[in-house]
Amino acid sequence: MRLFLHYPAGRRMEAVLLATSPDRLRIIVRGQSQTVELRRRHGHWYSEKGKRVEFDAILALDSAPAIMPAAPAVAAVAGSFAYH
């Protein structure tokens, strides 16, 4: 799966999901050689450095490029992605 992540201060990154469990995601971010682990705490996802991460979009790897929906619509979709 392709992930489009949104970090604090507006930083956006594209990543590929490598592995998942209910409270952890292992990803590789475009342009970086190291994998990154995201952890879910209290219903939110956080980077290894403790920064909150939101998902702008989650797409199947074989999907065609898509126009990104507006932020409020994306937030609703990303919120439904979290494991409960």
Protein backbone atom coordinates (compact mmCIF):
# COMPACT_ATOMS: atom_id res chain seq x y z
CA MET A 1 0.00 0.00 0.00
CA ARG A 2 1.07 3.55 -0.69
CA LEU A 3 0.68 6.00 2.16
CA PHE A 4 0.70 9.76 1.98
CA LEU A 5 1.67 11.04 5.43
CA HIS A 6 1.18 14.45 6.95
CA TYR A 7 3.58 15.49 9.71
CA PRO A 8 3.34 18.57 11.96
CA ALA A 9 4.25 21.91 10.37
CA GLY A 10 2.76 20.75 7.05
CA ARG A 11 5.49 18.31 6.00
CA ARG A 12 4.10 15.64 3.65
CA MET A 13 5.79 12.39 2.64
CA GLU A 14 5.02 9.40 0.46
CA ALA A 15 5.73 5.92 1.83
CA VAL A 16 5.14 2.24 1.16
CA LEU A 17 3.70 -0.01 3.86
CA LEU A 18 5.98 -2.98 4.55
CA ALA A 19 4.41 -4.58 7.64
CA THR A 20 1.57 -3.93 10.03
CA SER A 21 0.19 -4.96 13.39
CA PRO A 22 -2.66 -3.38 15.39
CA ASP A 23 -0.41 -0.74 16.97
CA ARG A 24 2.61 -0.57 14.63
CA LEU A 25 3.31 0.16 10.98
CA ARG A 26 6.69 -0.42 9.34
CA ILE A 27 7.12 1.83 6.30
CA ILE A 28 9.79 2.99 3.89
CA VAL A 29 9.62 6.68 3.04
CA ARG A 30 10.39 7.82 -0.50
CA GLY A 31 13.99 9.07 -0.73
CA GLN A 32 15.12 7.47 2.54
CA SER A 33 17.17 4.30 2.87
CA GLN A 34 16.01 3.35 6.39
CA THR A 35 12.61 1.97 7.36
CA VAL A 36 10.45 3.89 9.82
CA GLU A 37 8.16 2.51 12.50
CA LEU A 38 4.93 4.31 13.36
CA ARG A 39 3.20 3.46 16.62
CA ARG A 40 -0.42 3.98 17.61
CA ARG A 41 -1.09 5.42 21.06
CA HIS A 42 -4.42 6.66 22.37
CA GLY A 43 -5.98 6.40 18.90
CA HIS A 44 -3.29 8.44 17.08
CA TRP A 45 -0.18 7.49 15.09
CA TYR A 46 3.29 8.74 16.08
CA SER A 47 6.73 8.65 14.46
CA GLU A 48 9.78 7.18 16.17
CA LYS A 49 10.61 10.72 17.31
CA GLY A 50 7.21 11.14 18.96
CA LYS A 51 5.71 13.41 16.28
CA ARG A 52 2.04 12.85 15.50
CA VAL A 53 1.45 11.56 11.97
CA GLU A 54 -1.78 11.72 10.00
CA PHE A 55 -2.65 9.88 6.80
CA ASP A 56 -3.61 12.07 3.85
CA ALA A 57 -4.32 9.05 1.65
CA ILE A 58 -3.97 5.26 1.63
CA LEU A 59 -3.86 3.64 -1.80
CA ALA A 60 -3.31 0.15 -3.17
CA LEU A 61 0.11 -0.12 -4.84
CA ASP A 62 -1.39 -0.93 -8.22
CA SER A 63 -3.82 2.00 -8.19
CA ALA A 64 -3.41 4.79 -10.70
CA PRO A 65 -2.29 8.19 -9.45
CA ALA A 66 -5.21 10.00 -7.92
CA ILE A 67 -6.05 13.58 -7.10
CA MET A 68 -5.76 14.06 -3.35
CA PRO A 69 -9.09 14.94 -1.68
CA ALA A 70 -9.42 18.02 0.51
CA ALA A 71 -7.96 17.74 4.02
CA PRO A 72 -11.29 17.37 5.94
CA ALA A 73 -12.36 14.48 3.73
CA VAL A 74 -8.96 12.82 4.07
CA ALA A 75 -9.02 13.16 7.85
CA ALA A 76 -12.29 11.24 7.97
CA VAL A 77 -10.87 8.42 5.84
CA ALA A 78 -7.58 8.25 7.76
CA GLY A 79 -9.46 8.16 11.05
CA SER A 80 -11.39 5.13 9.90
CA PHE A 81 -8.11 3.38 9.05
CA ALA A 82 -6.95 3.28 12.68
CA TYR A 83 -7.43 -0.02 14.46
CA HIS A 84 -9.93 0.11 17.32
